[in-house]
């Protein structure tokens, strides 16, 4: 789901390919599962319930890897599969 790097997505923008919300926690550079409210930004007023749905957080900044073609959630699975295959080759499992 690559994005244009010249602008921040609006609150209601969606991906042209999959239709998912762009201005969502999972696309933000501050999103970290396990951090307080799953966010590294310390100035939040409260947690966001659905991390994959649009939200109105003013601190949102798009994760840089979403600007590059071939990056994003789909390739994360590919990276995990590649790592698992490399592990299997190394240890012969």
C-alpha atoms as a PDB file:
ATOM      1  CA  UNK A   1       0.000   0.000   0.000  1.00  0.00           C
ATOM      2  CA  UNK A   2       2.511   2.682  -1.056  1.00  0.00           C
ATOM      3  CA  UNK A   3       1.510   6.295  -0.485  1.00  0.00           C
ATOM      4  CA  UNK A   4       2.468   9.585  -2.047  1.00  0.00           C
ATOM      5  CA  UNK A   5       5.315  10.968   0.035  1.00  0.00           C
ATOM      6  CA  UNK A   6       4.517  14.608  -0.698  1.00  0.00           C
ATOM      7  CA  UNK A   7       1.544  14.868   1.674  1.00  0.00           C
ATOM      8  CA  UNK A   8       0.062  13.558   4.886  1.00  0.00           C
ATOM      9  CA  UNK A   9      -3.116  11.533   4.259  1.00  0.00           C
ATOM     10  CA  UNK A  10      -6.348  13.212   5.268  1.00  0.00           C
ATOM     11  CA  UNK A  11      -8.546  11.759   7.986  1.00  0.00           C
ATOM     12  CA  UNK A  12     -10.900  10.215   5.415  1.00  0.00           C
ATOM     13  CA  UNK A  13      -8.341   9.038   2.824  1.00  0.00           C
ATOM     14  CA  UNK A  14      -8.349   5.363   1.881  1.00  0.00           C
ATOM     15  CA  UNK A  15      -5.971   3.147  -0.060  1.00  0.00           C
ATOM     16  CA  UNK A  16      -6.836   3.094  -3.763  1.00  0.00           C
ATOM     17  CA  UNK A  17      -5.872  -0.590  -3.929  1.00  0.00           C
ATOM     18  CA  UNK A  18      -7.461  -2.189  -0.865  1.00  0.00           C
ATOM     19  CA  UNK A  19      -9.850   0.501   0.429  1.00  0.00           C
ATOM     20  CA  UNK A  20      -8.405   0.515   3.973  1.00  0.00           C
ATOM     21  CA  UNK A  21      -8.103   3.734   5.943  1.00  0.00           C
ATOM     22  CA  UNK A  22      -4.732   5.446   5.586  1.00  0.00           C
ATOM     23  CA  UNK A  23      -4.893   7.770   8.614  1.00  0.00           C
ATOM     24  CA  UNK A  24      -4.844   4.845  11.065  1.00  0.00           C
ATOM     25  CA  UNK A  25      -2.552   3.884  13.933  1.00  0.00           C
ATOM     26  CA  UNK A  26      -1.073   0.880  12.109  1.00  0.00           C
ATOM     27  CA  UNK A  27       0.250   3.242   9.410  1.00  0.00           C
ATOM     28  CA  UNK A  28       1.744   5.736  11.863  1.00  0.00           C
ATOM     29  CA  UNK A  29       5.442   5.920  12.707  1.00  0.00           C
ATOM     30  CA  UNK A  30       4.537   6.223  16.408  1.00  0.00           C
ATOM     31  CA  UNK A  31       2.566   2.940  16.478  1.00  0.00           C
ATOM     32  CA  UNK A  32       4.280   0.304  18.628  1.00  0.00           C
ATOM     33  CA  UNK A  33       2.343  -2.667  19.955  1.00  0.00           C
ATOM     34  CA  UNK A  34       3.007  -2.991  23.669  1.00  0.00           C
ATOM     35  CA  UNK A  35       3.735   0.696  24.273  1.00  0.00           C
ATOM     36  CA  UNK A  36       1.264   2.697  26.359  1.00  0.00           C
ATOM     37  CA  UNK A  37      -1.900   2.728  24.215  1.00  0.00           C
ATOM     38  CA  UNK A  38       0.296   1.093  21.502  1.00  0.00           C
ATOM     39  CA  UNK A  39       1.791   4.524  20.747  1.00  0.00           C
ATOM     40  CA  UNK A  40       5.193   6.120  21.321  1.00  0.00           C
ATOM     41  CA  UNK A  41       3.702   9.632  21.282  1.00  0.00           C
ATOM     42  CA  UNK A  42       3.359  10.728  24.908  1.00  0.00           C
ATOM     43  CA  UNK A  43       0.943  13.637  24.375  1.00  0.00           C
ATOM     44  CA  UNK A  44      -2.148  11.559  23.559  1.00  0.00           C
ATOM     45  CA  UNK A  45      -5.447  12.254  25.290  1.00  0.00           C
ATOM     46  CA  UNK A  46      -6.439   8.588  25.353  1.00  0.00           C
ATOM     47  CA  UNK A  47      -6.270   5.268  23.529  1.00  0.00           C
ATOM     48  CA  UNK A  48      -7.634   4.631  20.049  1.00  0.00           C
ATOM     49  CA  UNK A  49      -9.935   1.590  20.120  1.00  0.00           C
ATOM     50  CA  UNK A  50      -9.475   0.300  16.555  1.00  0.00           C
ATOM     51  CA  UNK A  51      -5.852   0.662  15.421  1.00  0.00           C
ATOM     52  CA  UNK A  52      -6.719  -0.191  11.778  1.00  0.00           C
ATOM     53  CA  UNK A  53      -9.594   2.288  11.414  1.00  0.00           C
ATOM     54  CA  UNK A  54      -9.325   5.987  10.629  1.00  0.00           C
ATOM     55  CA  UNK A  55      -8.811   8.278  13.567  1.00  0.00           C
ATOM     56  CA  UNK A  56      -8.423  11.989  14.169  1.00  0.00           C
ATOM     57  CA  UNK A  57      -5.048  11.967  15.916  1.00  0.00           C
ATOM     58  CA  UNK A  58      -3.144  15.186  15.214  1.00  0.00           C
ATOM     59  CA  UNK A  59       0.181  13.464  15.987  1.00  0.00           C
ATOM     60  CA  UNK A  60      -0.110  11.044  13.044  1.00  0.00           C
ATOM     61  CA  UNK A  61       2.989  10.701  10.832  1.00  0.00           C
ATOM     62  CA  UNK A  62       3.088   8.101   8.081  1.00  0.00           C
ATOM     63  CA  UNK A  63       5.609   5.292   8.558  1.00  0.00           C
ATOM     64  CA  UNK A  64       8.429   5.950   6.041  1.00  0.00           C
ATOM     65  CA  UNK A  65       8.406   2.372   4.713  1.00  0.00           C
ATOM     66  CA  UNK A  66       4.872   2.886   3.403  1.00  0.00           C
ATOM     67  CA  UNK A  67       6.254   5.347   0.838  1.00  0.00           C
ATOM     68  CA  UNK A  68       8.322   2.691  -0.942  1.00  0.00           C
ATOM     69  CA  UNK A  69       6.707   0.319  -3.468  1.00  0.00           C
ATOM     70  CA  UNK A  70       6.549  -3.264  -2.241  1.00  0.00           C
ATOM     71  CA  UNK A  71       6.421  -2.306   1.412  1.00  0.00           C
ATOM     72  CA  UNK A  72       3.643  -2.525   3.971  1.00  0.00           C
ATOM     73  CA  UNK A  73       1.608  -5.261   5.590  1.00  0.00           C
ATOM     74  CA  UNK A  74       1.600  -7.720   2.681  1.00  0.00           C
ATOM     75  CA  UNK A  75       5.391  -7.747   2.401  1.00  0.00           C
ATOM     76  CA  UNK A  76       5.699  -8.187   6.183  1.00  0.00           C
ATOM     77  CA  UNK A  77       4.292 -11.690   5.712  1.00  0.00           C
ATOM     78  CA  UNK A  78       6.751 -12.311   2.890  1.00  0.00           C
ATOM     79  CA  UNK A  79       9.659 -11.218   5.074  1.00  0.00           C
ATOM     80  CA  UNK A  80       8.556 -13.578   7.830  1.00  0.00           C
ATOM     81  CA  UNK A  81       8.264 -16.453   5.357  1.00  0.00           C
ATOM     82  CA  UNK A  82      11.724 -15.682   3.981  1.00  0.00           C
ATOM     83  CA  UNK A  83      13.227 -15.579   7.471  1.00  0.00           C
ATOM     84  CA  UNK A  84      11.520 -18.857   8.385  1.00  0.00           C
ATOM     85  CA  UNK A  85      12.868 -20.490   5.204  1.00  0.00           C
ATOM     86  CA  UNK A  86      16.391 -19.230   5.920  1.00  0.00           C
ATOM     87  CA  UNK A  87      16.152 -20.603   9.453  1.00  0.00           C
ATOM     88  CA  UNK A  88      14.993 -23.987   8.157  1.00  0.00           C
ATOM     89  CA  UNK A  89      17.875 -24.097   5.648  1.00  0.00           C
ATOM     90  CA  UNK A  90      20.412 -23.174   8.318  1.00  0.00           C
ATOM     91  CA  UNK A  91      19.296 -25.750  10.876  1.00  0.00           C
ATOM     92  CA  UNK A  92      17.902 -28.371   8.491  1.00  0.00           C
ATOM     93  CA  UNK A  93      14.467 -28.475  10.095  1.00  0.00           C
END
